[in-house]
N, C-alpha and C. Protein backbone atom coordinates (compact mmCIF):
# COMPACT_ATOMS: atom_id res chain seq x y z
N UNK A 1 10.66 -10.57 13.16
CA UNK A 1 9.18 -11.15 12.46
C UNK A 1 9.04 -10.20 11.14
N UNK A 2 8.78 -10.94 10.16
CA UNK A 2 8.85 -10.18 8.71
C UNK A 2 7.53 -9.28 8.71
N UNK A 3 7.52 -8.34 7.91
CA UNK A 3 6.71 -7.17 7.63
C UNK A 3 5.58 -7.90 6.77
N UNK A 4 4.32 -7.86 7.22
CA UNK A 4 3.16 -8.44 6.31
C UNK A 4 2.58 -7.48 5.35
N UNK A 5 2.58 -7.97 4.10
CA UNK A 5 1.84 -6.96 3.06
C UNK A 5 0.72 -7.52 2.31
N UNK A 6 -0.15 -6.78 2.25
CA UNK A 6 -1.31 -7.09 1.32
C UNK A 6 -1.16 -6.42 0.02
N UNK A 7 -0.93 -7.10 -1.10
CA UNK A 7 -0.99 -6.69 -2.33
C UNK A 7 -2.43 -7.08 -3.14
N UNK A 8 -3.02 -5.99 -3.68
CA UNK A 8 -4.12 -6.10 -4.15
C UNK A 8 -4.54 -5.54 -5.43
N UNK A 9 -5.25 -6.03 -6.26
CA UNK A 9 -5.89 -5.37 -7.33
C UNK A 9 -7.39 -4.82 -7.28
N UNK A 10 -7.86 -3.82 -7.19
CA UNK A 10 -8.81 -3.21 -6.73
C UNK A 10 -9.95 -3.15 -7.95
N UNK A 11 -11.18 -3.18 -7.78
CA UNK A 11 -12.20 -3.00 -8.91
C UNK A 11 -11.99 -3.91 -10.14
N UNK A 12 -12.48 -3.38 -11.17
CA UNK A 12 -12.45 -4.12 -12.32
C UNK A 12 -11.19 -4.30 -13.23
N UNK A 13 -10.05 -3.81 -12.52
CA UNK A 13 -8.82 -3.91 -13.39
C UNK A 13 -8.24 -5.25 -13.28
N UNK A 14 -8.27 -6.02 -14.47
CA UNK A 14 -7.69 -7.26 -14.47
C UNK A 14 -6.33 -7.50 -14.86
N UNK A 15 -5.46 -6.21 -14.98
CA UNK A 15 -4.14 -6.33 -15.36
C UNK A 15 -3.41 -6.50 -14.18
N UNK A 16 -2.83 -7.75 -13.83
CA UNK A 16 -1.99 -8.18 -12.69
C UNK A 16 -0.62 -8.35 -12.73
N UNK A 17 0.01 -7.96 -13.98
CA UNK A 17 1.25 -8.35 -14.10
C UNK A 17 2.40 -7.55 -13.01
N UNK A 18 2.01 -6.30 -12.86
CA UNK A 18 2.77 -5.32 -11.85
C UNK A 18 2.42 -5.93 -10.37
N UNK A 19 1.24 -6.09 -10.20
CA UNK A 19 1.03 -6.71 -8.78
C UNK A 19 1.76 -7.94 -8.47
N UNK A 20 1.73 -8.91 -9.41
CA UNK A 20 2.50 -10.09 -9.06
C UNK A 20 4.09 -9.69 -9.03
N UNK A 21 4.59 -8.85 -9.84
CA UNK A 21 6.01 -8.44 -9.86
C UNK A 21 6.34 -8.07 -8.41
N UNK A 22 5.61 -6.88 -8.00
CA UNK A 22 5.88 -6.32 -6.73
C UNK A 22 5.60 -7.44 -5.50
N UNK A 23 4.65 -8.24 -5.71
CA UNK A 23 4.38 -9.24 -4.56
C UNK A 23 5.66 -10.14 -4.54
N UNK A 24 6.03 -10.67 -5.52
CA UNK A 24 7.38 -11.57 -5.70
C UNK A 24 8.56 -10.71 -5.12
N UNK A 25 8.83 -9.59 -5.55
CA UNK A 25 9.82 -8.72 -5.03
C UNK A 25 9.80 -8.53 -3.39
N UNK A 26 8.72 -8.52 -2.98
CA UNK A 26 8.33 -8.29 -1.47
C UNK A 26 8.94 -9.71 -0.79
N UNK A 27 8.29 -10.68 -1.57
CA UNK A 27 8.56 -11.89 -0.98
C UNK A 27 10.05 -12.24 -1.03
N UNK A 28 10.71 -12.12 -2.07
CA UNK A 28 12.14 -12.31 -2.19
C UNK A 28 13.00 -11.44 -1.39
N UNK A 29 12.55 -10.23 -0.85
CA UNK A 29 13.15 -9.51 0.21
C UNK A 29 12.78 -9.85 1.66
N UNK A 30 12.03 -10.93 1.75
CA UNK A 30 11.95 -11.41 3.24
C UNK A 30 10.59 -10.99 3.77
N UNK A 31 9.54 -10.31 3.13
CA UNK A 31 8.21 -9.93 3.60
C UNK A 31 7.43 -10.91 3.42
N UNK A 32 6.40 -10.94 4.30
CA UNK A 32 5.41 -12.10 4.35
C UNK A 32 4.28 -11.27 3.57
N UNK A 33 3.86 -11.88 2.17
CA UNK A 33 3.01 -11.41 1.35
C UNK A 33 1.69 -12.19 1.20
N UNK A 34 0.78 -11.35 1.19
CA UNK A 34 -0.78 -11.88 0.85
C UNK A 34 -1.35 -11.20 -0.29
N UNK A 35 -1.23 -12.01 -1.34
CA UNK A 35 -1.70 -11.54 -2.63
C UNK A 35 -3.10 -11.62 -2.77
N UNK A 36 -4.05 -10.75 -2.81
CA UNK A 36 -5.39 -11.11 -3.02
C UNK A 36 -6.01 -11.63 -4.37
N UNK A 37 -5.26 -11.31 -5.25
CA UNK A 37 -5.73 -11.42 -6.74
C UNK A 37 -6.40 -10.37 -7.16
N UNK A 38 -7.04 -10.58 -8.36
CA UNK A 38 -7.72 -9.50 -9.09
C UNK A 38 -9.31 -9.51 -8.81
N UNK A 39 -9.76 -8.18 -9.15
CA UNK A 39 -11.29 -7.92 -8.86
C UNK A 39 -11.71 -7.88 -7.36
N UNK A 40 -10.84 -7.19 -6.51
CA UNK A 40 -11.17 -6.98 -5.17
C UNK A 40 -12.05 -5.74 -4.87
N UNK A 41 -12.91 -5.83 -3.80
CA UNK A 41 -13.60 -4.60 -3.41
C UNK A 41 -12.68 -4.14 -2.21
N UNK A 42 -12.79 -2.62 -2.13
CA UNK A 42 -12.26 -1.89 -0.88
C UNK A 42 -12.54 -2.75 0.46
N UNK A 43 -13.73 -3.24 0.62
CA UNK A 43 -14.11 -4.03 1.78
C UNK A 43 -13.23 -5.22 1.96
N UNK A 44 -13.22 -6.03 0.91
CA UNK A 44 -12.35 -7.18 0.97
C UNK A 44 -10.98 -7.09 1.24
N UNK A 45 -10.48 -6.12 0.77
CA UNK A 45 -9.02 -5.57 1.03
C UNK A 45 -8.71 -5.22 2.48
N UNK A 46 -9.63 -4.55 2.89
CA UNK A 46 -9.49 -4.13 4.37
C UNK A 46 -9.71 -5.24 5.44
N UNK A 47 -10.61 -5.99 5.07
CA UNK A 47 -10.89 -7.18 5.72
C UNK A 47 -9.71 -8.05 5.73
N UNK A 48 -9.06 -8.17 4.72
CA UNK A 48 -7.88 -9.03 4.59
C UNK A 48 -6.63 -8.44 5.48
N UNK A 49 -6.49 -7.17 5.39
CA UNK A 49 -5.53 -6.55 6.04
C UNK A 49 -5.91 -6.96 7.81
N UNK A 50 -7.13 -6.71 8.11
CA UNK A 50 -7.47 -7.09 9.56
C UNK A 50 -7.12 -8.64 9.79
N UNK A 51 -7.76 -9.48 8.87
CA UNK A 51 -7.48 -10.89 9.20
C UNK A 51 -6.23 -11.38 9.34
N UNK A 52 -5.26 -10.69 8.40
CA UNK A 52 -3.75 -11.15 8.25
C UNK A 52 -3.02 -10.19 9.18
N UNK A 53 -3.53 -9.43 9.83
CA UNK A 53 -2.77 -8.25 10.65
C UNK A 53 -1.62 -7.77 9.81
N UNK A 54 -1.83 -7.21 8.81
CA UNK A 54 -0.87 -6.68 7.93
C UNK A 54 -0.62 -5.37 8.10
N UNK A 55 0.50 -4.91 8.09
CA UNK A 55 0.91 -3.60 8.37
C UNK A 55 1.13 -2.59 7.01
N UNK A 56 0.97 -3.27 5.93
CA UNK A 56 1.37 -2.65 4.58
C UNK A 56 0.29 -2.88 3.66
N UNK A 57 -0.45 -2.15 2.78
CA UNK A 57 -1.32 -2.40 1.83
C UNK A 57 -0.58 -1.74 0.51
N UNK A 58 -0.47 -2.56 -0.53
CA UNK A 58 -0.05 -2.16 -1.92
C UNK A 58 -1.10 -2.39 -2.88
N UNK A 59 -1.45 -1.30 -3.48
CA UNK A 59 -2.75 -1.43 -4.33
C UNK A 59 -2.03 -1.18 -5.87
N UNK A 60 -2.39 -2.01 -6.65
CA UNK A 60 -2.01 -1.86 -8.05
C UNK A 60 -3.24 -1.37 -8.81
N UNK A 61 -3.38 -0.31 -9.48
CA UNK A 61 -4.45 0.23 -10.17
C UNK A 61 -3.94 0.83 -11.42
N UNK A 62 -4.57 0.28 -12.35
CA UNK A 62 -4.56 0.94 -13.76
C UNK A 62 -5.70 1.34 -14.48
N UNK A 63 -6.82 1.13 -13.87
CA UNK A 63 -8.19 1.59 -14.32
C UNK A 63 -8.47 2.94 -14.40
N UNK A 64 -7.64 3.77 -13.62
CA UNK A 64 -8.15 5.21 -13.81
C UNK A 64 -9.05 5.53 -12.48
N UNK A 65 -9.43 4.67 -11.62
CA UNK A 65 -10.39 4.83 -10.53
C UNK A 65 -9.58 5.10 -9.18
N UNK A 66 -8.40 5.37 -9.46
CA UNK A 66 -7.45 5.50 -8.15
C UNK A 66 -7.93 6.30 -7.09
N UNK A 67 -8.53 7.49 -7.48
CA UNK A 67 -8.91 8.34 -6.50
C UNK A 67 -10.14 7.81 -5.72
N UNK A 68 -10.96 7.36 -6.45
CA UNK A 68 -12.18 6.81 -5.81
C UNK A 68 -11.70 5.73 -4.82
N UNK A 69 -11.01 4.67 -5.19
CA UNK A 69 -10.49 3.44 -4.36
C UNK A 69 -9.56 3.78 -3.43
N UNK A 70 -8.79 4.89 -3.76
CA UNK A 70 -7.80 5.28 -2.65
C UNK A 70 -8.71 5.83 -1.31
N UNK A 71 -9.36 6.72 -1.82
CA UNK A 71 -10.32 7.59 -0.65
C UNK A 71 -11.08 6.41 0.04
N UNK A 72 -11.82 5.43 -0.56
CA UNK A 72 -12.61 4.24 -0.09
C UNK A 72 -11.82 3.38 0.96
N UNK A 73 -10.37 3.03 0.50
CA UNK A 73 -9.73 2.06 1.11
C UNK A 73 -9.19 2.89 2.44
N UNK A 74 -8.72 4.31 2.32
CA UNK A 74 -8.36 4.92 3.43
C UNK A 74 -9.46 5.11 4.45
N UNK A 75 -10.71 5.48 4.17
CA UNK A 75 -11.83 5.62 4.77
C UNK A 75 -12.07 4.35 5.66
N UNK A 76 -12.04 3.34 4.91
CA UNK A 76 -12.42 1.95 5.65
C UNK A 76 -11.33 1.58 6.69
N UNK A 77 -10.02 1.99 6.26
CA UNK A 77 -8.92 1.72 7.31
C UNK A 77 -9.18 2.67 8.49
N UNK A 78 -9.46 3.81 8.29
CA UNK A 78 -9.62 4.96 9.29
C UNK A 78 -10.67 4.27 10.21
N UNK A 79 -11.93 3.77 9.63
CA UNK A 79 -13.02 3.48 10.45
C UNK A 79 -12.69 2.08 11.22
N UNK A 80 -11.77 1.48 10.76
CA UNK A 80 -11.50 0.21 11.61
C UNK A 80 -10.21 0.72 12.45
N UNK A 81 -10.02 1.71 12.71
CA UNK A 81 -8.71 2.39 13.47
C UNK A 81 -7.51 1.79 13.11
N UNK A 82 -7.34 1.68 11.69
CA UNK A 82 -6.03 1.12 11.05
C UNK A 82 -5.18 2.32 10.25
N UNK A 83 -5.22 3.47 10.92
CA UNK A 83 -4.67 4.56 10.35
C UNK A 83 -2.91 4.47 10.38
N UNK A 84 -2.51 3.50 11.02
CA UNK A 84 -1.06 3.13 10.97
C UNK A 84 -0.67 2.27 10.02
N UNK A 85 -1.56 1.61 9.21
CA UNK A 85 -1.28 0.72 8.19
C UNK A 85 -0.67 1.74 7.08
N UNK A 86 0.37 1.19 6.48
CA UNK A 86 1.03 2.15 5.45
C UNK A 86 0.22 1.69 4.00
N UNK A 87 -0.29 2.70 3.23
CA UNK A 87 -0.83 2.43 1.98
C UNK A 87 -0.04 3.04 0.92
N UNK A 88 0.26 2.02 -0.09
CA UNK A 88 0.98 2.28 -1.37
C UNK A 88 0.06 2.18 -2.44
N UNK A 89 0.45 2.95 -3.59
CA UNK A 89 -0.44 2.72 -4.96
C UNK A 89 0.78 2.60 -5.83
N UNK A 90 0.48 1.62 -6.93
CA UNK A 90 1.29 1.69 -7.99
C UNK A 90 0.49 1.37 -9.20
N UNK A 91 1.10 2.14 -10.29
CA UNK A 91 0.25 1.88 -11.50
C UNK A 91 0.43 3.15 -12.35
N UNK A 92 -0.51 3.39 -13.25
CA UNK A 92 -0.51 4.43 -14.30
C UNK A 92 -1.21 5.62 -13.48
N UNK A 93 -0.52 6.42 -12.61
CA UNK A 93 -1.40 7.42 -11.97
C UNK A 93 -0.89 8.75 -12.59
N UNK A 94 -1.71 9.40 -13.06
CA UNK A 94 -1.39 10.83 -13.61
C UNK A 94 -0.57 11.77 -12.53
N UNK A 95 0.40 12.55 -12.82
CA UNK A 95 1.12 13.00 -11.81
C UNK A 95 0.24 14.30 -11.05
N UNK A 96 -0.69 14.61 -11.71
CA UNK A 96 -1.58 15.64 -11.05
C UNK A 96 -2.46 15.14 -9.92
N UNK A 97 -2.59 13.68 -9.90
CA UNK A 97 -3.28 13.12 -8.98
C UNK A 97 -2.58 12.62 -7.68
N UNK A 98 -1.19 12.71 -7.87
CA UNK A 98 -0.29 12.04 -6.66
C UNK A 98 -0.71 13.08 -5.49
N UNK A 99 -0.67 14.30 -5.37
CA UNK A 99 -0.85 15.11 -4.34
C UNK A 99 -2.31 14.72 -3.66
N UNK A 100 -3.09 14.54 -4.37
CA UNK A 100 -4.68 14.44 -4.00
C UNK A 100 -4.72 12.90 -3.43
N UNK A 101 -3.95 11.89 -3.89
CA UNK A 101 -3.92 10.59 -3.24
C UNK A 101 -3.41 10.58 -1.88
N UNK A 102 -2.22 11.58 -1.69
CA UNK A 102 -1.38 11.50 -0.57
C UNK A 102 -2.34 12.27 0.42
N UNK A 103 -3.03 13.39 -0.04
CA UNK A 103 -4.07 13.88 0.91
C UNK A 103 -5.21 12.98 1.39
N UNK A 104 -5.35 11.98 0.90
CA UNK A 104 -6.28 11.07 1.16
C UNK A 104 -5.78 10.04 2.24
N UNK A 105 -4.42 9.97 2.28
CA UNK A 105 -3.95 9.10 3.22
C UNK A 105 -2.93 8.05 2.69
N UNK A 106 -2.56 8.05 1.21
CA UNK A 106 -1.76 7.30 0.59
C UNK A 106 -0.28 7.86 0.85
N UNK A 107 0.51 6.75 1.33
CA UNK A 107 1.84 7.26 1.80
C UNK A 107 2.71 7.59 0.52
N UNK A 108 2.51 6.81 -0.58
CA UNK A 108 3.40 6.92 -1.65
C UNK A 108 2.76 6.48 -2.86
N UNK A 109 3.11 6.86 -3.96
CA UNK A 109 2.64 6.56 -5.32
C UNK A 109 3.89 6.11 -6.17
N UNK A 110 3.77 4.88 -6.77
CA UNK A 110 4.88 4.53 -7.50
C UNK A 110 4.45 4.13 -9.04
N UNK A 111 5.06 4.78 -9.83
CA UNK A 111 4.63 4.73 -11.33
C UNK A 111 5.35 3.71 -11.94
N UNK A 112 4.86 3.56 -13.26
CA UNK A 112 5.52 2.43 -14.17
C UNK A 112 6.99 2.62 -14.03
N UNK A 113 7.70 1.33 -14.16
CA UNK A 113 9.14 1.33 -14.38
C UNK A 113 9.69 1.72 -13.05
N UNK A 114 9.09 1.95 -11.95
CA UNK A 114 9.76 2.12 -10.71
C UNK A 114 10.50 0.93 -10.27
N UNK A 115 11.81 0.98 -9.89
CA UNK A 115 12.45 -0.22 -9.47
C UNK A 115 11.88 -0.81 -8.14
N UNK A 116 11.76 -2.17 -8.12
CA UNK A 116 11.09 -2.65 -7.08
C UNK A 116 11.87 -2.41 -5.73
N UNK A 117 13.07 -2.47 -5.91
CA UNK A 117 14.15 -2.15 -4.78
C UNK A 117 13.76 -0.72 -4.12
N UNK A 118 13.27 0.21 -4.93
CA UNK A 118 12.89 1.41 -4.36
C UNK A 118 11.64 1.38 -3.58
N UNK A 119 10.76 0.43 -3.89
CA UNK A 119 9.50 0.43 -3.10
C UNK A 119 9.88 -0.35 -1.79
N UNK A 120 10.78 -1.40 -1.99
CA UNK A 120 11.03 -2.17 -0.78
C UNK A 120 11.87 -1.35 0.31
N UNK A 121 12.78 -0.46 -0.08
CA UNK A 121 13.48 0.45 0.60
C UNK A 121 12.56 1.47 1.35
N UNK A 122 11.60 1.95 0.70
CA UNK A 122 10.49 2.83 1.17
C UNK A 122 9.86 2.15 2.37
N UNK A 123 9.46 0.86 2.08
CA UNK A 123 8.71 0.24 3.26
C UNK A 123 9.68 -0.02 4.31
N UNK A 124 10.88 -0.42 4.00
CA UNK A 124 11.86 -0.71 5.11
C UNK A 124 12.27 0.59 6.01
N UNK A 125 12.18 1.61 5.35
CA UNK A 125 12.65 2.82 6.10
C UNK A 125 11.24 3.03 6.84
N UNK A 126 10.10 3.24 6.41
CA UNK A 126 9.05 3.46 7.05
C UNK A 126 8.99 2.46 8.44
N UNK A 127 9.21 1.17 8.24
CA UNK A 127 9.05 0.26 9.52
C UNK A 127 10.10 0.58 10.40
N UNK A 128 11.41 0.94 9.85
CA UNK A 128 12.38 1.36 10.94
C UNK A 128 11.92 2.75 11.77
N UNK A 129 11.27 3.81 10.90
CA UNK A 129 10.94 4.93 11.77
C UNK A 129 9.60 4.47 12.49
N UNK A 130 8.77 3.52 12.20
CA UNK A 130 7.61 3.17 13.24
C UNK A 130 8.18 2.37 14.21
N UNK A 131 9.15 1.62 14.29
CA UNK A 131 9.86 0.98 15.20
C UNK A 131 10.36 1.93 16.28
N UNK A 132 10.92 2.90 15.70
CA UNK A 132 11.57 3.91 16.61
C UNK A 132 10.86 4.97 17.33
N UNK A 133 9.49 4.83 16.99
CA UNK A 133 8.67 6.16 17.46
C UNK A 133 7.97 5.47 18.84
């Protein structure tokens, strides 16, 4: 069964090129991808994760609101008892904020020019570890 991934653009950030690139890369690698499009709220993203029974959420954030939205999405996932959902963030994230995002529950942060294969392998390794646990 393929890994189900929700790829989302949260907030007022309308730049979606990176989100579409990673969504296509996941699809081409055999993942089942649900792309929510731009201007999503944390609530709609978490609702999509629940409705689609997704195991992974990939957030593309370029607006600078990564700490706010990362905290909100992780909080909503926890409230829904979905702490086992892997949350990834991609975009222009200052290095100083990476550890803060991880402390919120974000599994990994991928910056600009990260090879898509690296992201895919990260998710595959996580899925293998989760299956073995």
